[in-house]
C-alpha atoms as a PDB file:
ATOM      1  CA  UNK A   1      38.918 -25.169  -9.028  1.00  0.00           C
ATOM      2  CA  UNK A   2      37.614 -26.943  -5.958  1.00  0.00           C
ATOM      3  CA  UNK A   3      36.065 -30.202  -7.264  1.00  0.00           C
ATOM      4  CA  UNK A   4      34.556 -32.597  -4.807  1.00  0.00           C
ATOM      5  CA  UNK A   5      34.398 -36.271  -5.710  1.00  0.00           C
ATOM      6  CA  UNK A   6      31.076 -37.970  -4.863  1.00  0.00           C
ATOM      7  CA  UNK A   7      31.203 -41.611  -3.822  1.00  0.00           C
ATOM      8  CA  UNK A   8      28.469 -44.121  -3.828  1.00  0.00           C
ATOM      9  CA  UNK A   9      27.506 -46.340  -0.930  1.00  0.00           C
ATOM     10  CA  UNK A  10      29.985 -48.830  -2.218  1.00  0.00           C
ATOM     11  CA  UNK A  11      32.828 -46.372  -1.877  1.00  0.00           C
ATOM     12  CA  UNK A  12      33.369 -46.063  -5.592  1.00  0.00           C
ATOM     13  CA  UNK A  13      33.414 -42.735  -7.454  1.00  0.00           C
ATOM     14  CA  UNK A  14      29.963 -41.792  -8.595  1.00  0.00           C
ATOM     15  CA  UNK A  15      30.361 -38.205  -9.809  1.00  0.00           C
ATOM     16  CA  UNK A  16      31.953 -34.844  -9.278  1.00  0.00           C
ATOM     17  CA  UNK A  17      30.504 -31.702  -7.683  1.00  0.00           C
ATOM     18  CA  UNK A  18      31.634 -28.435  -9.164  1.00  0.00           C
ATOM     19  CA  UNK A  19      30.916 -25.349  -7.052  1.00  0.00           C
ATOM     20  CA  UNK A  20      28.571 -22.900  -8.662  1.00  0.00           C
ATOM     21  CA  UNK A  21      31.158 -20.087  -8.855  1.00  0.00           C
ATOM     22  CA  UNK A  22      33.568 -22.449 -10.723  1.00  0.00           C
ATOM     23  CA  UNK A  23      30.799 -23.514 -12.992  1.00  0.00           C
ATOM     24  CA  UNK A  24      30.150 -19.844 -13.945  1.00  0.00           C
ATOM     25  CA  UNK A  25      33.871 -19.454 -14.709  1.00  0.00           C
ATOM     26  CA  UNK A  26      33.703 -22.492 -17.019  1.00  0.00           C
ATOM     27  CA  UNK A  27      30.575 -21.153 -18.754  1.00  0.00           C
ATOM     28  CA  UNK A  28      32.262 -17.721 -19.227  1.00  0.00           C
ATOM     29  CA  UNK A  29      35.076 -19.539 -21.121  1.00  0.00           C
ATOM     30  CA  UNK A  30      32.774 -21.945 -22.942  1.00  0.00           C
ATOM     31  CA  UNK A  31      29.443 -20.192 -23.302  1.00  0.00           C
ATOM     32  CA  UNK A  32      27.841 -22.924 -25.398  1.00  0.00           C
ATOM     33  CA  UNK A  33      28.628 -25.679 -23.004  1.00  0.00           C
ATOM     34  CA  UNK A  34      24.878 -26.086 -22.030  1.00  0.00           C
ATOM     35  CA  UNK A  35      23.872 -26.496 -25.669  1.00  0.00           C
ATOM     36  CA  UNK A  36      26.534 -29.010 -26.786  1.00  0.00           C
ATOM     37  CA  UNK A  37      25.065 -32.120 -28.425  1.00  0.00           C
ATOM     38  CA  UNK A  38      25.086 -34.918 -25.921  1.00  0.00           C
ATOM     39  CA  UNK A  39      24.986 -37.617 -28.638  1.00  0.00           C
ATOM     40  CA  UNK A  40      28.233 -38.842 -30.166  1.00  0.00           C
ATOM     41  CA  UNK A  41      28.608 -40.137 -33.682  1.00  0.00           C
ATOM     42  CA  UNK A  42      27.905 -43.762 -34.178  1.00  0.00           C
ATOM     43  CA  UNK A  43      31.526 -44.568 -35.190  1.00  0.00           C
ATOM     44  CA  UNK A  44      32.723 -43.158 -31.860  1.00  0.00           C
ATOM     45  CA  UNK A  45      30.071 -45.038 -29.870  1.00  0.00           C
ATOM     46  CA  UNK A  46      31.074 -48.325 -31.657  1.00  0.00           C
ATOM     47  CA  UNK A  47      34.725 -47.681 -30.790  1.00  0.00           C
ATOM     48  CA  UNK A  48      33.882 -47.074 -27.119  1.00  0.00           C
ATOM     49  CA  UNK A  49      31.714 -50.214 -27.008  1.00  0.00           C
ATOM     50  CA  UNK A  50      34.585 -52.215 -28.409  1.00  0.00           C
ATOM     51  CA  UNK A  51      37.060 -50.784 -25.950  1.00  0.00           C
ATOM     52  CA  UNK A  52      34.733 -51.479 -22.977  1.00  0.00           C
ATOM     53  CA  UNK A  53      34.276 -54.961 -24.162  1.00  0.00           C
ATOM     54  CA  UNK A  54      38.129 -55.406 -24.388  1.00  0.00           C
ATOM     55  CA  UNK A  55      38.487 -54.091 -20.925  1.00  0.00           C
ATOM     56  CA  UNK A  56      35.731 -56.276 -19.567  1.00  0.00           C
ATOM     57  CA  UNK A  57      37.543 -59.332 -20.997  1.00  0.00           C
ATOM     58  CA  UNK A  58      40.924 -58.277 -19.540  1.00  0.00           C
ATOM     59  CA  UNK A  59      40.379 -55.709 -16.675  1.00  0.00           C
ATOM     60  CA  UNK A  60      44.050 -55.824 -15.671  1.00  0.00           C
ATOM     61  CA  UNK A  61      44.958 -54.231 -18.987  1.00  0.00           C
ATOM     62  CA  UNK A  62      43.811 -50.851 -17.607  1.00  0.00           C
ATOM     63  CA  UNK A  63      45.809 -49.002 -14.994  1.00  0.00           C
ATOM     64  CA  UNK A  64      45.323 -45.703 -13.360  1.00  0.00           C
ATOM     65  CA  UNK A  65      46.716 -42.528 -14.812  1.00  0.00           C
ATOM     66  CA  UNK A  66      48.691 -41.999 -11.604  1.00  0.00           C
ATOM     67  CA  UNK A  67      50.821 -45.106 -12.484  1.00  0.00           C
ATOM     68  CA  UNK A  68      51.815 -43.410 -15.722  1.00  0.00           C
ATOM     69  CA  UNK A  69      52.514 -40.059 -14.128  1.00  0.00           C
ATOM     70  CA  UNK A  70      54.594 -41.725 -11.428  1.00  0.00           C
ATOM     71  CA  UNK A  71      56.552 -43.621 -14.138  1.00  0.00           C
ATOM     72  CA  UNK A  72      57.122 -40.173 -15.787  1.00  0.00           C
ATOM     73  CA  UNK A  73      58.065 -38.718 -12.427  1.00  0.00           C
ATOM     74  CA  UNK A  74      55.263 -36.159 -12.646  1.00  0.00           C
ATOM     75  CA  UNK A  75      54.071 -34.451  -9.448  1.00  0.00           C
ATOM     76  CA  UNK A  76      50.346 -34.354  -8.903  1.00  0.00           C
END
């Protein structure tokens, strides 16, 4: 899959572009992907909100996954 990261004017990641042929491959494996409910249960939303709040209070508590993979000596 050839994903392209889209960055905003501030240089931060803003999204991902998936080429159409790759999207069709995804849809062939997951035919109901377009009809999945976009709403998550209230308990999950509450948990996400709590985690976002904790991260906002202590942003250094979050590290990139690449740090973990490097620690595990995993090649990307």
